[in-house]
Amino acid sequence: MAKIELKQPIVEEIAATVKDAATVVIVSYSGITVAQDTQLRRQLREAGVTYKVYKNTLMTRAFKGTAFEGLTESLKGTNAIAVSKDDATAPARILSKFAKDCPAIQLKAGVVEGIVYDEKGMAEIAKIPSRDELISKFLGSIQSPITNFARVLNQIAEKGGADACEPAPKEETAAAEAPAEEAPAAE
């Protein structure tokens, strides 16, 4: 049996993993300890991100002819891929945060929603909050004016409602309701 035949299932596995992915990130992990690797894998798994180590040549074959082909330039050294099908920013966010305490982790490149980004681009994507965080902030900003309005209405109700408001004196009301007299024309 030829070596290529043995490697073909792995190439197909990589291709299946990245198919329909929102994000694929190439990460260098040279020098990471087993404990750090275990911790990183757990964080990624909890976020629904697939993290695998493959040979660069096999990833190159799997990426050929896909939107991820631009990542092949980054496949030098010891690399792994982090793949997310749902949250486009999760791999970059988690890996970037982890890299702050573990300098052995380095984001090299990635494809986010069909666009290839270099290391700097991935660092910028890592700053974007998760979808859930953005929705939470949006709902909070919508809820704030409604809450303030409800608080004002509640205060009015506690003071006796509209009946508690003092009516304007009749003179001011009559003056406001009467039509304004026209000024005489200059002769």
N, C-alpha and C. Protein backbone atom coordinates (compact mmCIF):
# COMPACT_ATOMS: atom_id res chain seq x y z
N MET A 1 0.85 -1.18 0.00
CA MET A 1 0.00 0.00 0.00
C MET A 1 0.89 1.24 0.00
N ALA A 2 0.61 2.20 -0.85
CA ALA A 2 1.43 3.41 -0.99
C ALA A 2 1.17 4.37 0.16
N LYS A 3 2.18 5.19 0.46
CA LYS A 3 2.05 6.17 1.54
C LYS A 3 0.92 7.15 1.26
N ILE A 4 0.74 7.51 0.00
CA ILE A 4 -0.32 8.46 -0.37
C ILE A 4 -1.69 7.90 -0.02
N GLU A 5 -1.89 6.62 -0.24
CA GLU A 5 -3.17 5.98 0.08
C GLU A 5 -3.43 6.01 1.58
N LEU A 6 -2.39 5.89 2.38
CA LEU A 6 -2.54 5.94 3.83
C LEU A 6 -2.87 7.35 4.32
N LYS A 7 -2.36 8.34 3.61
CA LYS A 7 -2.56 9.72 4.03
C LYS A 7 -3.87 10.31 3.51
N GLN A 8 -4.46 9.73 2.50
CA GLN A 8 -5.67 10.27 1.90
C GLN A 8 -6.82 10.40 2.91
N PRO A 9 -7.07 9.43 3.79
CA PRO A 9 -8.14 9.61 4.78
C PRO A 9 -7.91 10.81 5.70
N ILE A 10 -6.66 11.10 6.01
CA ILE A 10 -6.35 12.25 6.87
C ILE A 10 -6.63 13.55 6.11
N VAL A 11 -6.26 13.61 4.84
CA VAL A 11 -6.53 14.79 4.01
C VAL A 11 -8.04 15.01 3.93
N GLU A 12 -8.79 13.91 3.75
CA GLU A 12 -10.25 14.02 3.69
C GLU A 12 -10.84 14.47 5.03
N GLU A 13 -10.23 14.03 6.13
CA GLU A 13 -10.68 14.46 7.46
C GLU A 13 -10.47 15.96 7.64
N ILE A 14 -9.32 16.46 7.21
CA ILE A 14 -9.03 17.90 7.30
C ILE A 14 -10.03 18.67 6.44
N ALA A 15 -10.24 18.20 5.22
CA ALA A 15 -11.17 18.87 4.30
C ALA A 15 -12.58 18.90 4.88
N ALA A 16 -13.00 17.81 5.52
CA ALA A 16 -14.33 17.76 6.13
C ALA A 16 -14.42 18.69 7.34
N THR A 17 -13.32 18.81 8.07
CA THR A 17 -13.29 19.68 9.26
C THR A 17 -13.44 21.14 8.87
N VAL A 18 -12.77 21.56 7.80
CA VAL A 18 -12.81 22.97 7.40
C VAL A 18 -14.00 23.30 6.50
N LYS A 19 -14.65 22.28 5.95
CA LYS A 19 -15.80 22.53 5.07
C LYS A 19 -16.89 23.24 5.86
N ASP A 20 -17.45 24.28 5.31
CA ASP A 20 -18.51 25.08 5.94
C ASP A 20 -18.06 25.76 7.23
N ALA A 21 -16.77 25.93 7.43
CA ALA A 21 -16.27 26.59 8.64
C ALA A 21 -16.40 28.10 8.50
N ALA A 22 -16.78 28.75 9.59
CA ALA A 22 -16.81 30.22 9.61
C ALA A 22 -15.39 30.75 9.73
N THR A 23 -14.55 30.01 10.48
CA THR A 23 -13.19 30.45 10.72
C THR A 23 -12.23 29.27 10.80
N VAL A 24 -11.06 29.45 10.20
CA VAL A 24 -9.96 28.50 10.34
C VAL A 24 -8.73 29.33 10.68
N VAL A 25 -8.06 28.98 11.78
CA VAL A 25 -6.89 29.73 12.22
C VAL A 25 -5.69 28.79 12.27
N ILE A 26 -4.58 29.22 11.69
CA ILE A 26 -3.32 28.49 11.79
C ILE A 26 -2.57 29.05 12.99
N VAL A 27 -2.16 28.15 13.88
CA VAL A 27 -1.48 28.57 15.10
C VAL A 27 -0.20 27.77 15.27
N SER A 28 0.87 28.47 15.62
CA SER A 28 2.14 27.82 15.94
C SER A 28 2.12 27.51 17.43
N TYR A 29 2.50 26.30 17.78
CA TYR A 29 2.43 25.90 19.19
C TYR A 29 3.78 25.38 19.70
N SER A 30 4.85 25.65 18.99
CA SER A 30 6.17 25.15 19.36
C SER A 30 6.58 25.66 20.73
N GLY A 31 6.90 24.73 21.65
CA GLY A 31 7.35 25.09 22.98
C GLY A 31 6.26 25.07 24.04
N ILE A 32 5.05 24.70 23.69
CA ILE A 32 3.96 24.66 24.66
C ILE A 32 4.09 23.40 25.52
N THR A 33 3.79 23.51 26.80
CA THR A 33 3.87 22.34 27.69
C THR A 33 2.60 21.51 27.56
N VAL A 34 2.65 20.30 28.05
CA VAL A 34 1.48 19.42 28.00
C VAL A 34 0.33 20.02 28.81
N ALA A 35 0.64 20.57 29.97
CA ALA A 35 -0.40 21.18 30.82
C ALA A 35 -1.04 22.37 30.11
N GLN A 36 -0.23 23.20 29.46
CA GLN A 36 -0.77 24.35 28.73
C GLN A 36 -1.63 23.89 27.56
N ASP A 37 -1.15 22.86 26.84
CA ASP A 37 -1.89 22.33 25.71
C ASP A 37 -3.24 21.78 26.16
N THR A 38 -3.25 21.07 27.26
CA THR A 38 -4.50 20.51 27.79
C THR A 38 -5.47 21.63 28.15
N GLN A 39 -4.97 22.66 28.79
CA GLN A 39 -5.81 23.80 29.19
C GLN A 39 -6.36 24.52 27.94
N LEU A 40 -5.51 24.73 26.94
CA LEU A 40 -5.94 25.40 25.70
C LEU A 40 -7.01 24.58 25.00
N ARG A 41 -6.78 23.29 24.87
CA ARG A 41 -7.75 22.42 24.20
C ARG A 41 -9.11 22.45 24.91
N ARG A 42 -9.09 22.48 26.25
CA ARG A 42 -10.34 22.51 27.01
C ARG A 42 -11.11 23.81 26.73
N GLN A 43 -10.39 24.94 26.74
CA GLN A 43 -11.03 26.23 26.48
C GLN A 43 -11.64 26.28 25.08
N LEU A 44 -10.91 25.77 24.11
CA LEU A 44 -11.41 25.75 22.73
C LEU A 44 -12.61 24.82 22.59
N ARG A 45 -12.54 23.65 23.20
CA ARG A 45 -13.64 22.68 23.13
C ARG A 45 -14.91 23.26 23.75
N GLU A 46 -14.77 23.95 24.90
CA GLU A 46 -15.93 24.56 25.55
C GLU A 46 -16.59 25.61 24.67
N ALA A 47 -15.83 26.24 23.81
CA ALA A 47 -16.36 27.25 22.89
C ALA A 47 -16.83 26.65 21.57
N GLY A 48 -16.75 25.33 21.44
CA GLY A 48 -17.19 24.68 20.21
C GLY A 48 -16.18 24.76 19.08
N VAL A 49 -14.91 24.96 19.42
CA VAL A 49 -13.85 25.08 18.42
C VAL A 49 -13.08 23.77 18.34
N THR A 50 -12.88 23.29 17.13
CA THR A 50 -12.09 22.08 16.89
C THR A 50 -10.63 22.49 16.77
N TYR A 51 -9.76 21.81 17.50
CA TYR A 51 -8.33 22.13 17.50
C TYR A 51 -7.57 20.84 17.24
N LYS A 52 -6.81 20.80 16.14
CA LYS A 52 -6.08 19.58 15.77
C LYS A 52 -4.71 19.92 15.23
N VAL A 53 -3.80 18.98 15.42
CA VAL A 53 -2.46 19.09 14.87
C VAL A 53 -2.37 18.13 13.69
N TYR A 54 -1.97 18.66 12.53
CA TYR A 54 -1.77 17.87 11.33
C TYR A 54 -0.43 18.24 10.72
N LYS A 55 0.07 17.39 9.87
CA LYS A 55 1.27 17.72 9.12
C LYS A 55 0.95 18.82 8.12
N ASN A 56 1.91 19.72 7.93
CA ASN A 56 1.71 20.84 7.01
C ASN A 56 1.39 20.38 5.59
N THR A 57 2.05 19.32 5.14
CA THR A 57 1.82 18.83 3.77
C THR A 57 0.39 18.33 3.60
N LEU A 58 -0.16 17.71 4.65
CA LEU A 58 -1.53 17.21 4.57
C LEU A 58 -2.53 18.37 4.60
N MET A 59 -2.25 19.39 5.39
CA MET A 59 -3.13 20.56 5.41
C MET A 59 -3.09 21.27 4.06
N THR A 60 -1.89 21.35 3.47
CA THR A 60 -1.74 21.99 2.16
C THR A 60 -2.60 21.27 1.13
N ARG A 61 -2.56 19.94 1.12
CA ARG A 61 -3.39 19.16 0.18
C ARG A 61 -4.87 19.38 0.44
N ALA A 62 -5.27 19.42 1.70
CA ALA A 62 -6.69 19.58 2.03
C ALA A 62 -7.20 20.97 1.67
N PHE A 63 -6.34 21.99 1.79
CA PHE A 63 -6.75 23.36 1.50
C PHE A 63 -6.77 23.68 0.02
N LYS A 64 -6.09 22.87 -0.78
CA LYS A 64 -5.96 23.15 -2.22
C LYS A 64 -7.35 23.24 -2.87
N GLY A 65 -7.56 24.34 -3.60
CA GLY A 65 -8.81 24.55 -4.32
C GLY A 65 -9.96 25.01 -3.45
N THR A 66 -9.68 25.40 -2.21
CA THR A 66 -10.74 25.89 -1.31
C THR A 66 -10.46 27.34 -0.93
N ALA A 67 -11.36 27.94 -0.16
CA ALA A 67 -11.17 29.31 0.33
C ALA A 67 -10.01 29.40 1.31
N PHE A 68 -9.52 28.25 1.77
CA PHE A 68 -8.45 28.22 2.77
C PHE A 68 -7.07 28.05 2.16
N GLU A 69 -6.99 28.03 0.83
CA GLU A 69 -5.72 27.82 0.14
C GLU A 69 -4.70 28.92 0.47
N GLY A 70 -5.17 30.11 0.79
CA GLY A 70 -4.28 31.21 1.15
C GLY A 70 -3.52 30.98 2.44
N LEU A 71 -3.94 29.98 3.22
CA LEU A 71 -3.26 29.68 4.49
C LEU A 71 -1.99 28.87 4.29
N THR A 72 -1.81 28.27 3.12
CA THR A 72 -0.67 27.38 2.90
C THR A 72 0.67 28.10 3.04
N GLU A 73 0.70 29.41 2.78
CA GLU A 73 1.94 30.19 2.93
C GLU A 73 2.40 30.22 4.39
N SER A 74 1.46 30.07 5.32
CA SER A 74 1.77 30.13 6.75
C SER A 74 2.17 28.79 7.33
N LEU A 75 2.11 27.75 6.54
CA LEU A 75 2.37 26.40 7.04
C LEU A 75 3.86 26.06 7.04
N LYS A 76 4.56 26.69 7.96
CA LYS A 76 5.98 26.40 8.16
C LYS A 76 6.17 26.19 9.65
N GLY A 77 6.93 25.19 10.03
CA GLY A 77 7.14 24.91 11.45
C GLY A 77 6.04 24.00 12.00
N THR A 78 5.91 24.01 13.32
CA THR A 78 4.90 23.18 13.97
C THR A 78 3.60 23.96 14.09
N ASN A 79 2.56 23.46 13.43
CA ASN A 79 1.29 24.18 13.37
C ASN A 79 0.12 23.29 13.74
N ALA A 80 -0.93 23.95 14.15
CA ALA A 80 -2.21 23.30 14.40
C ALA A 80 -3.28 24.18 13.77
N ILE A 81 -4.48 23.64 13.63
CA ILE A 81 -5.58 24.47 13.13
C ILE A 81 -6.68 24.50 14.18
N ALA A 82 -7.30 25.66 14.28
CA ALA A 82 -8.47 25.84 15.15
C ALA A 82 -9.61 26.21 14.22
N VAL A 83 -10.70 25.45 14.30
CA VAL A 83 -11.81 25.61 13.36
C VAL A 83 -13.11 25.84 14.13
N SER A 84 -13.85 26.85 13.72
CA SER A 84 -15.17 27.11 14.30
C SER A 84 -16.19 27.19 13.18
N LYS A 85 -17.27 26.50 13.36
CA LYS A 85 -18.34 26.52 12.35
C LYS A 85 -19.39 27.58 12.69
N ASP A 86 -19.47 27.99 13.97
CA ASP A 86 -20.53 28.90 14.41
C ASP A 86 -20.03 30.31 14.72
N ASP A 87 -19.15 30.43 15.70
CA ASP A 87 -18.67 31.74 16.16
C ASP A 87 -17.40 32.10 15.40
N ALA A 88 -17.51 33.08 14.52
CA ALA A 88 -16.39 33.44 13.65
C ALA A 88 -15.19 34.02 14.38
N THR A 89 -15.40 34.58 15.57
CA THR A 89 -14.28 35.21 16.27
C THR A 89 -13.73 34.35 17.41
N ALA A 90 -14.40 33.27 17.76
CA ALA A 90 -14.01 32.46 18.93
C ALA A 90 -12.57 31.94 18.86
N PRO A 91 -12.14 31.31 17.76
CA PRO A 91 -10.77 30.79 17.76
C PRO A 91 -9.72 31.89 17.98
N ALA A 92 -9.86 32.98 17.27
CA ALA A 92 -8.89 34.07 17.41
C ALA A 92 -8.92 34.67 18.81
N ARG A 93 -10.12 34.87 19.36
CA ARG A 93 -10.26 35.44 20.70
C ARG A 93 -9.60 34.56 21.75
N ILE A 94 -9.93 33.27 21.73
CA ILE A 94 -9.42 32.35 22.74
C ILE A 94 -7.91 32.17 22.60
N LEU A 95 -7.44 31.95 21.38
CA LEU A 95 -6.00 31.76 21.17
C LEU A 95 -5.20 33.01 21.53
N SER A 96 -5.70 34.18 21.17
CA SER A 96 -5.01 35.43 21.47
C SER A 96 -4.94 35.65 22.98
N LYS A 97 -6.04 35.42 23.66
CA LYS A 97 -6.07 35.57 25.12
C LYS A 97 -5.11 34.59 25.78
N PHE A 98 -5.10 33.35 25.29
CA PHE A 98 -4.23 32.33 25.85
C PHE A 98 -2.76 32.67 25.60
N ALA A 99 -2.48 33.25 24.44
CA ALA A 99 -1.10 33.60 24.06
C ALA A 99 -0.50 34.67 24.96
N LYS A 100 -1.34 35.47 25.62
CA LYS A 100 -0.82 36.50 26.54
C LYS A 100 -0.05 35.87 27.69
N ASP A 101 -0.53 34.71 28.18
CA ASP A 101 0.13 34.01 29.29
C ASP A 101 1.07 32.91 28.80
N CYS A 102 0.95 32.56 27.52
CA CYS A 102 1.75 31.47 26.96
C CYS A 102 2.35 31.94 25.62
N PRO A 103 3.52 32.56 25.66
CA PRO A 103 4.11 33.10 24.43
C PRO A 103 4.46 32.05 23.37
N ALA A 104 4.40 30.77 23.73
CA ALA A 104 4.66 29.72 22.74
C ALA A 104 3.55 29.65 21.68
N ILE A 105 2.36 30.17 22.01
CA ILE A 105 1.23 30.18 21.08
C ILE A 105 1.33 31.44 20.23
N GLN A 106 1.24 31.26 18.92
CA GLN A 106 1.30 32.40 18.00
C GLN A 106 0.29 32.20 16.88
N LEU A 107 -0.64 33.13 16.73
CA LEU A 107 -1.58 33.10 15.61
C LEU A 107 -0.82 33.53 14.37
N LYS A 108 -0.80 32.68 13.35
CA LYS A 108 -0.02 32.98 12.15
C LYS A 108 -0.89 33.57 11.05
N ALA A 109 -2.06 33.01 10.85
CA ALA A 109 -2.96 33.47 9.80
C ALA A 109 -4.32 32.81 10.02
N GLY A 110 -5.29 33.27 9.26
CA GLY A 110 -6.61 32.66 9.37
C GLY A 110 -7.52 33.09 8.24
N VAL A 111 -8.60 32.35 8.10
CA VAL A 111 -9.65 32.71 7.16
C VAL A 111 -10.91 32.88 7.98
N VAL A 112 -11.48 34.08 7.91
CA VAL A 112 -12.72 34.38 8.63
C VAL A 112 -13.77 34.74 7.60
N GLU A 113 -14.80 33.92 7.54
CA GLU A 113 -15.91 34.11 6.60
C GLU A 113 -15.42 34.36 5.18
N GLY A 114 -14.44 33.55 4.74
CA GLY A 114 -13.97 33.57 3.37
C GLY A 114 -12.84 34.56 3.07
N ILE A 115 -12.42 35.35 4.05
CA ILE A 115 -11.37 36.34 3.83
C ILE A 115 -10.11 35.90 4.58
N VAL A 116 -8.97 35.91 3.87
CA VAL A 116 -7.69 35.50 4.46
C VAL A 116 -7.08 36.69 5.20
N TYR A 117 -6.66 36.45 6.45
CA TYR A 117 -6.02 37.48 7.28
C TYR A 117 -4.65 37.00 7.71
N ASP A 118 -3.72 37.93 7.81
CA ASP A 118 -2.38 37.61 8.33
C ASP A 118 -2.41 37.70 9.86
N GLU A 119 -1.26 37.63 10.46
CA GLU A 119 -1.15 37.66 11.92
C GLU A 119 -1.77 38.93 12.52
N LYS A 120 -1.49 40.09 11.92
CA LYS A 120 -2.03 41.36 12.42
C LYS A 120 -3.56 41.39 12.28
N GLY A 121 -4.06 40.90 11.17
CA GLY A 121 -5.50 40.85 10.96
C GLY A 121 -6.20 39.97 11.97
N MET A 122 -5.56 38.84 12.29
CA MET A 122 -6.15 37.93 13.27
C MET A 122 -6.13 38.57 14.67
N ALA A 123 -5.11 39.37 14.95
CA ALA A 123 -5.05 40.08 16.24
C ALA A 123 -6.22 41.06 16.36
N GLU A 124 -6.57 41.72 15.26
CA GLU A 124 -7.71 42.64 15.27
C GLU A 124 -9.03 41.87 15.43
N ILE A 125 -9.16 40.75 14.77
CA ILE A 125 -10.38 39.95 14.89
C ILE A 125 -10.53 39.43 16.31
N ALA A 126 -9.43 39.14 16.97
CA ALA A 126 -9.46 38.65 18.35
C ALA A 126 -10.08 39.68 19.29
N LYS A 127 -10.06 40.95 18.92
CA LYS A 127 -10.61 42.01 19.78
C LYS A 127 -12.13 42.11 19.68
N ILE A 128 -12.72 41.49 18.68
CA ILE A 128 -14.17 41.56 18.49
C ILE A 128 -14.86 40.67 19.52
N PRO A 129 -15.84 41.21 20.25
CA PRO A 129 -16.54 40.38 21.23
C PRO A 129 -17.34 39.27 20.55
N SER A 130 -17.70 38.27 21.34
CA SER A 130 -18.49 37.17 20.80
C SER A 130 -19.88 37.66 20.42
N ARG A 131 -20.56 36.88 19.64
CA ARG A 131 -21.91 37.20 19.18
C ARG A 131 -22.84 37.39 20.39
N ASP A 132 -22.73 36.51 21.38
CA ASP A 132 -23.57 36.61 22.57
C ASP A 132 -23.30 37.90 23.34
N GLU A 133 -22.02 38.29 23.44
CA GLU A 133 -21.68 39.53 24.12
C GLU A 133 -22.27 40.73 23.38
N LEU A 134 -22.17 40.72 22.04
CA LEU A 134 -22.71 41.83 21.25
C LEU A 134 -24.23 41.93 21.40
N ILE A 135 -24.91 40.80 21.38
CA ILE A 135 -26.37 40.79 21.56
C ILE A 135 -26.73 41.31 22.94
N SER A 136 -25.99 40.88 23.95
CA SER A 136 -26.22 41.32 25.33
C SER A 136 -26.07 42.84 25.45
N LYS A 137 -25.01 43.38 24.86
CA LYS A 137 -24.79 44.83 24.90
C LYS A 137 -25.90 45.57 24.16
N PHE A 138 -26.32 45.04 23.02
CA PHE A 138 -27.38 45.66 22.24
C PHE A 138 -28.69 45.68 23.03
N LEU A 139 -29.04 44.55 23.61
CA LEU A 139 -30.27 44.48 24.40
C LEU A 139 -30.21 45.41 25.61
N GLY A 140 -29.04 45.52 26.22
CA GLY A 140 -28.86 46.42 27.35
C GLY A 140 -29.08 47.87 26.95
N SER A 141 -28.58 48.24 25.77
CA SER A 141 -28.74 49.62 25.32
C SER A 141 -30.19 49.91 24.94
N ILE A 142 -30.91 48.92 24.48
CA ILE A 142 -32.34 49.10 24.17
C ILE A 142 -33.15 49.17 25.46
N GLN A 143 -32.81 48.34 26.41
CA GLN A 143 -33.56 48.22 27.64
C GLN A 143 -33.41 49.46 28.52
N SER A 144 -32.28 50.12 28.49
CA SER A 144 -32.02 51.25 29.37
C SER A 144 -33.05 52.38 29.22
N PRO A 145 -33.36 52.89 28.02
CA PRO A 145 -34.36 53.96 27.92
C PRO A 145 -35.76 53.50 28.36
N ILE A 146 -36.09 52.26 28.07
CA ILE A 146 -37.39 51.73 28.46
C ILE A 146 -37.48 51.67 29.99
N THR A 147 -36.41 51.24 30.63
CA THR A 147 -36.38 51.16 32.09
C THR A 147 -36.53 52.56 32.70
N ASN A 148 -35.83 53.54 32.15
CA ASN A 148 -35.94 54.92 32.66
C ASN A 148 -37.35 55.46 32.47
N PHE A 149 -37.98 55.19 31.35
CA PHE A 149 -39.34 55.64 31.09
C PHE A 149 -40.30 55.00 32.09
N ALA A 150 -40.13 53.71 32.33
CA ALA A 150 -40.99 53.00 33.29
C ALA A 150 -40.80 53.57 34.69
N ARG A 151 -39.58 53.93 35.05
CA ARG A 151 -39.30 54.51 36.37
C ARG A 151 -40.02 55.86 36.53
N VAL A 152 -40.01 56.69 35.49
CA VAL A 152 -40.69 57.98 35.53
C VAL A 152 -42.20 57.77 35.69
N LEU A 153 -42.75 56.86 34.91
CA LEU A 153 -44.18 56.58 35.02
C LEU A 153 -44.54 56.07 36.42
N ASN A 154 -43.69 55.26 36.98
CA ASN A 154 -43.93 54.73 38.32
C ASN A 154 -43.91 55.86 39.35
N GLN A 155 -42.99 56.80 39.22
CA GLN A 155 -42.92 57.94 40.15
C GLN A 155 -44.17 58.80 40.04
N ILE A 156 -44.66 58.99 38.83
CA ILE A 156 -45.90 59.77 38.65
C ILE A 156 -47.06 59.04 39.32
N ALA A 157 -47.13 57.74 39.15
CA ALA A 157 -48.21 56.95 39.75
C ALA A 157 -48.13 56.99 41.27
N GLU A 158 -46.93 56.96 41.83
CA GLU A 158 -46.76 56.99 43.28
C GLU A 158 -47.18 58.34 43.87
N LYS A 159 -47.07 59.40 43.10
CA LYS A 159 -47.45 60.72 43.57
C LYS A 159 -48.93 61.02 43.32
N GLY A 160 -49.66 60.07 42.88
CA GLY A 160 -51.10 60.26 42.69
C GLY A 160 -51.51 60.39 41.25
N GLY A 161 -50.63 60.11 40.33
CA GLY A 161 -50.98 60.12 38.91
C GLY A 161 -51.14 61.52 38.38
N ALA A 162 -51.90 61.68 37.31
CA ALA A 162 -52.11 62.96 36.65
C ALA A 162 -52.87 63.93 37.53
N ASP A 163 -53.71 63.43 38.45
CA ASP A 163 -54.49 64.29 39.35
C ASP A 163 -53.58 65.05 40.29
N ALA A 164 -52.40 64.50 40.60
CA ALA A 164 -51.49 65.15 41.54
C ALA A 164 -50.76 66.32 40.89
N CYS A 165 -50.73 66.36 39.60
CA CYS A 165 -50.06 67.46 38.91
C CYS A 165 -50.88 68.73 39.09
N GLU A 166 -50.24 69.87 39.37
CA GLU A 166 -50.95 71.13 39.56
C GLU A 166 -51.33 71.69 38.20
N PRO A 167 -52.60 72.03 38.03
CA PRO A 167 -52.99 72.63 36.75
C PRO A 167 -52.42 74.04 36.64
N ALA A 168 -52.19 74.48 35.43
CA ALA A 168 -51.68 75.82 35.17
C ALA A 168 -52.78 76.83 35.50
N PRO A 169 -52.42 78.04 35.96
CA PRO A 169 -53.45 79.05 36.24
C PRO A 169 -54.27 79.32 34.99
N LYS A 170 -55.55 79.69 35.20
CA LYS A 170 -56.48 79.88 34.07
C LYS A 170 -56.03 80.99 33.13
N GLU A 171 -55.42 82.03 33.65
CA GLU A 171 -54.99 83.14 32.80
C GLU A 171 -53.97 82.66 31.77
N GLU A 172 -52.98 81.85 32.23
CA GLU A 172 -51.94 81.36 31.32
C GLU A 172 -52.53 80.40 30.30
N THR A 173 -53.51 79.59 30.74
CA THR A 173 -54.13 78.62 29.85
C THR A 173 -54.92 79.34 28.78
N ALA A 174 -55.67 80.36 29.16
CA ALA A 174 -56.50 81.11 28.21
C ALA A 174 -55.61 81.84 27.20
N ALA A 175 -54.52 82.41 27.68
CA ALA A 175 -53.62 83.14 26.79
C ALA A 175 -52.96 82.19 25.79
N ALA A 176 -52.66 81.00 26.24
CA ALA A 176 -52.01 80.04 25.36
C ALA A 176 -52.97 79.52 24.31
N GLU A 177 -54.29 79.44 24.67
CA GLU A 177 -55.27 78.87 23.74
C GLU A 177 -55.82 79.90 22.78
N ALA A 178 -55.79 81.23 23.14
CA ALA A 178 -56.36 82.28 22.30
C ALA A 178 -55.46 82.50 21.09
N PRO A 179 -56.07 82.74 19.91
CA PRO A 179 -55.26 83.01 18.72
C PRO A 179 -54.55 84.36 18.87
N ALA A 180 -53.39 84.44 18.39
CA ALA A 180 -52.61 85.68 18.47
C ALA A 180 -53.21 86.72 17.56
N GLU A 181 -53.30 87.96 18.07
CA GLU A 181 -53.85 89.05 17.26
C GLU A 181 -52.78 89.50 16.27
N GLU A 182 -53.26 89.86 15.09
CA GLU A 182 -52.31 90.31 14.08
C GLU A 182 -51.93 91.75 14.35
N ALA A 183 -50.70 92.07 14.15
CA ALA A 183 -50.22 93.44 14.34
C ALA A 183 -50.74 94.32 13.23
N PRO A 184 -51.11 95.56 13.56
CA PRO A 184 -51.60 96.45 12.49
C PRO A 184 -50.50 96.73 11.46
N ALA A 185 -50.93 96.83 10.24
CA ALA A 185 -49.99 97.08 9.16
C ALA A 185 -49.43 98.48 9.25
N ALA A 186 -48.22 98.67 8.95
CA ALA A 186 -47.58 99.98 8.99
C ALA A 186 -48.05 100.81 7.81
N GLU A 187 -48.38 102.08 8.07
CA GLU A 187 -48.88 102.95 7.01
C GLU A 187 -47.84 103.82 6.41
